[in-house]
Protein backbone atom coordinates (compact mmCIF):
# COMPACT_ATOMS: atom_id res chain seq x y z
CA MET A 1 6.62 51.34 -0.94
CA SER A 2 9.63 49.47 0.46
CA ASP A 3 12.96 49.21 -1.31
CA ARG A 4 13.30 45.50 -0.52
CA ASN A 5 13.70 43.01 -3.35
CA TRP A 6 11.07 40.48 -2.33
CA GLU A 7 12.04 38.04 -5.07
CA ALA A 8 15.55 37.79 -3.62
CA GLU A 9 14.20 37.48 -0.06
CA LEU A 10 11.84 34.68 -1.06
CA ALA A 11 14.61 32.95 -3.00
CA LYS A 12 16.75 32.96 0.18
CA ILE A 13 13.89 31.46 2.18
CA ASP A 14 13.33 28.77 -0.47
CA LYS A 15 17.04 27.93 -0.43
CA GLN A 16 17.02 27.59 3.37
CA LEU A 17 13.93 25.37 3.31
CA ALA A 18 15.46 23.16 0.61
CA SER A 19 18.54 22.58 2.74
CA VAL A 20 16.53 21.18 5.68
CA SER A 21 15.17 17.62 5.45
CA ASP A 22 11.44 17.02 5.80
CA GLU A 23 11.89 15.09 9.05
CA ALA A 24 13.91 17.90 10.64
CA LEU A 25 11.42 20.50 9.44
CA LEU A 26 8.46 18.58 10.89
CA ALA A 27 10.27 17.89 14.15
CA GLU A 28 11.14 21.57 14.51
CA SER A 29 7.58 22.73 13.85
CA LYS A 30 6.21 20.34 16.49
CA ALA A 31 8.90 21.01 19.09
CA VAL A 32 9.17 24.80 18.84
CA ALA A 33 6.03 26.88 18.75
CA PRO A 34 6.06 30.67 18.86
CA ALA A 35 5.88 31.82 22.47
CA LYS A 36 3.65 34.73 23.36
CA SER A 37 4.76 36.89 26.22
CA ALA A 38 3.33 40.25 27.16
CA GLY A 39 1.50 40.67 23.86
CA ARG A 40 4.52 40.26 21.58
CA THR A 41 5.44 37.22 19.53
CA VAL A 42 8.91 35.71 19.83
CA PRO A 43 10.05 34.15 16.56
CA ALA A 44 11.07 30.50 16.57
CA PRO A 45 14.77 29.76 16.19
CA THR A 46 15.96 28.39 12.87
CA ILE A 47 18.04 25.28 12.36
CA ALA A 48 21.22 25.68 10.35
CA ALA A 49 21.67 22.60 8.18
CA PRO A 50 24.72 21.78 6.10
CA ALA A 51 24.42 23.04 2.55
CA ARG A 52 23.99 20.44 -0.18
CA SER A 53 24.56 20.79 -3.85
CA ALA A 54 21.38 21.46 -5.80
CA GLY A 55 21.62 18.35 -7.98
CA ALA A 56 22.57 15.74 -5.39
CA ALA A 57 19.88 14.98 -2.85
CA ALA A 58 21.18 12.62 -0.19
CA PRO A 59 18.86 9.67 0.48
CA SER A 60 17.31 9.65 3.90
CA ALA A 61 18.56 7.15 6.43
CA GLY A 62 15.25 5.26 6.41
CA ALA A 63 15.05 4.83 2.64
CA TRP A 64 16.17 1.21 2.88
CA ARG A 65 13.08 0.52 5.01
CA GLY A 66 10.92 1.61 2.09
CA TRP A 67 12.70 -0.86 -0.18
CA VAL A 68 12.26 -3.64 2.39
CA LYS A 69 8.53 -2.92 2.56
CA VAL A 70 8.31 -3.09 -1.23
CA ALA A 71 10.22 -6.38 -1.27
CA ILE A 72 7.78 -7.87 1.24
CA ALA A 73 4.77 -6.70 -0.76
CA VAL A 74 6.18 -7.91 -4.09
CA GLY A 75 7.08 -11.27 -2.52
CA ALA A 76 3.55 -11.72 -1.21
CA ALA A 77 2.09 -10.77 -4.60
CA ALA A 78 4.39 -13.26 -6.33
CA GLY A 79 3.31 -15.91 -3.83
CA LEU A 80 -0.29 -15.53 -5.00
CA MET A 81 0.80 -16.72 -8.43
CA PHE A 82 1.81 -20.05 -6.86
CA TRP A 83 -1.31 -20.53 -4.71
CA PRO A 84 -1.29 -24.27 -3.94
CA TRP A 85 -5.04 -24.98 -3.65
CA PRO A 86 -7.83 -24.78 -6.20
CA THR A 87 -9.84 -21.60 -5.80
CA SER A 88 -13.09 -22.82 -7.24
CA CYS A 89 -15.12 -22.93 -4.02
CA GLY A 90 -15.19 -23.28 -0.27
CA GLY A 91 -12.41 -22.60 2.20
CA PRO A 92 -9.57 -22.31 -0.32
CA LEU A 93 -11.55 -19.65 -2.20
CA ILE A 94 -12.15 -17.68 1.00
CA GLY A 95 -8.46 -18.02 1.90
CA PHE A 96 -7.35 -16.85 -1.55
CA THR A 97 -9.71 -13.89 -1.45
CA ALA A 98 -8.42 -12.92 2.00
CA ALA A 99 -4.83 -13.28 0.74
CA THR A 100 -5.52 -10.94 -2.20
CA GLY A 101 -6.90 -8.37 0.24
CA ALA A 102 -3.81 -8.78 2.42
CA VAL A 103 -1.53 -8.26 -0.60
CA ALA A 104 -3.42 -5.08 -1.50
CA LEU A 105 -2.99 -3.85 2.09
CA LEU A 106 0.73 -4.68 1.97
CA GLY A 107 0.96 -2.66 -1.23
CA ILE A 108 -0.71 0.32 0.45
CA TRP A 109 1.62 -0.05 3.46
CA SER A 110 4.69 -0.04 1.25
CA ALA A 111 3.32 2.82 -0.88
CA ILE A 112 3.00 5.00 2.22
CA GLY A 113 6.59 4.21 3.23
CA THR A 114 7.98 4.88 -0.23
CA TRP A 115 6.04 8.13 -0.51
CA ARG A 116 7.51 9.39 2.77
CA HIS A 117 11.05 8.65 1.64
CA ARG A 118 10.53 9.95 -1.90
CA LEU A 119 11.39 6.65 -3.59
CA GLY A 120 9.76 7.00 -6.99
CA LEU A 121 10.52 3.61 -8.52
CA ALA A 122 9.66 1.77 -5.31
CA HIS A 123 6.40 3.74 -5.05
CA VAL A 124 5.40 2.68 -8.57
CA ALA A 125 6.15 -0.95 -7.66
CA SER A 126 3.99 -0.58 -4.53
CA LEU A 127 1.10 0.79 -6.55
CA LEU A 128 1.44 -2.09 -9.02
CA VAL A 129 1.22 -4.53 -6.10
CA VAL A 130 -2.01 -2.81 -4.96
CA VAL A 131 -3.51 -3.00 -8.44
CA GLY A 132 -2.41 -6.63 -8.88
CA GLY A 133 -3.90 -7.69 -5.54
CA LEU A 134 -7.18 -5.95 -6.28
CA ALA A 135 -7.32 -7.43 -9.80
CA LEU A 136 -6.76 -10.99 -8.55
CA GLY A 137 -9.41 -10.51 -5.89
CA ALA A 138 -11.86 -9.03 -8.38
CA ARG A 139 -11.30 -11.97 -10.74
CA GLU A 140 -12.63 -14.31 -8.05
CA VAL A 141 -15.27 -12.10 -6.43
CA LEU A 142 -17.03 -10.45 -9.39
CA PRO A 143 -18.51 -13.65 -10.94
CA ARG A 144 -19.81 -14.67 -7.52
CA VAL A 145 -21.61 -11.40 -6.84
CA GLY A 146 -23.25 -11.37 -10.27
CA TYR A 147 -21.23 -8.59 -11.89
CA ALA A 148 -19.16 -10.73 -14.28
CA ALA A 149 -20.12 -13.78 -16.32
CA PRO A 150 -19.30 -17.02 -14.52
CA THR A 151 -16.98 -19.48 -16.23
CA PRO A 152 -16.33 -23.17 -15.54
CA ALA A 153 -13.24 -22.19 -13.54
CA ARG A 154 -15.09 -19.45 -11.63
CA SER A 155 -18.70 -20.37 -10.93
CA GLU A 156 -21.30 -18.15 -9.31
CA ARG A 157 -21.18 -20.14 -6.07
CA TRP A 158 -19.06 -19.48 -3.00
CA SER A 159 -19.66 -22.88 -1.43
CA CYS A 160 -18.85 -26.21 -2.98
CA PRO A 161 -21.75 -28.32 -4.21
CA ALA A 162 -22.60 -31.36 -2.11
CA PRO A 163 -21.15 -34.57 -3.51
CA SER A 164 -23.75 -36.34 -5.58
CA VAL A 165 -24.74 -39.74 -4.33
CA GLY A 166 -26.37 -42.17 -6.74
CA PRO A 167 -29.63 -43.93 -5.97
CA PRO A 168 -29.34 -46.63 -3.36
CA SER A 169 -28.84 -50.02 -4.83
CA VAL A 170 -31.67 -52.38 -4.12
CA GLY A 171 -30.93 -55.94 -3.12
CA PRO A 172 -32.77 -59.10 -4.14
CA ALA A 173 -35.51 -58.78 -1.53
CA GLY A 174 -36.11 -55.10 -2.20
CA ILE A 175 -33.97 -54.14 0.80
CA PRO A 176 -31.41 -51.42 0.16
CA SER A 177 -27.93 -52.73 0.62
């Protein structure tokens, strides 16, 4: 049995990995692969990163991009609350349903960006945008596919009913006017 203290060795490795950012670690693993020459493996060189204090994690340079993505998604979701056309039937209904899908996709896009940059609060906001977009879309779609009870505001029809035309008026000689 060896006299090495494996707990201390692993703690050193963990400390070194914690000092390297995720982007640098991924870039290093893609750029440097172990080279095999004459049957022996050459270990990959390590990157020496500046040591940080354990409590203060510096935000990555692209973290502001995550916040911008969240702002775009939240703005689009807020815009759905002020949708200018009635969504009872026809083209405006199709447009609103497409817009709710686009808002959900924007929420997913911003959630991916916030996850990469470890922005917890922004990630929660992104997930709320996804849920809000899906809920608004479901509110319009479910009565029309027969899953929810239709209401006067949300009928079971996608298309608008044809305008009703009264019976033709008949003139004095029985000729429609």
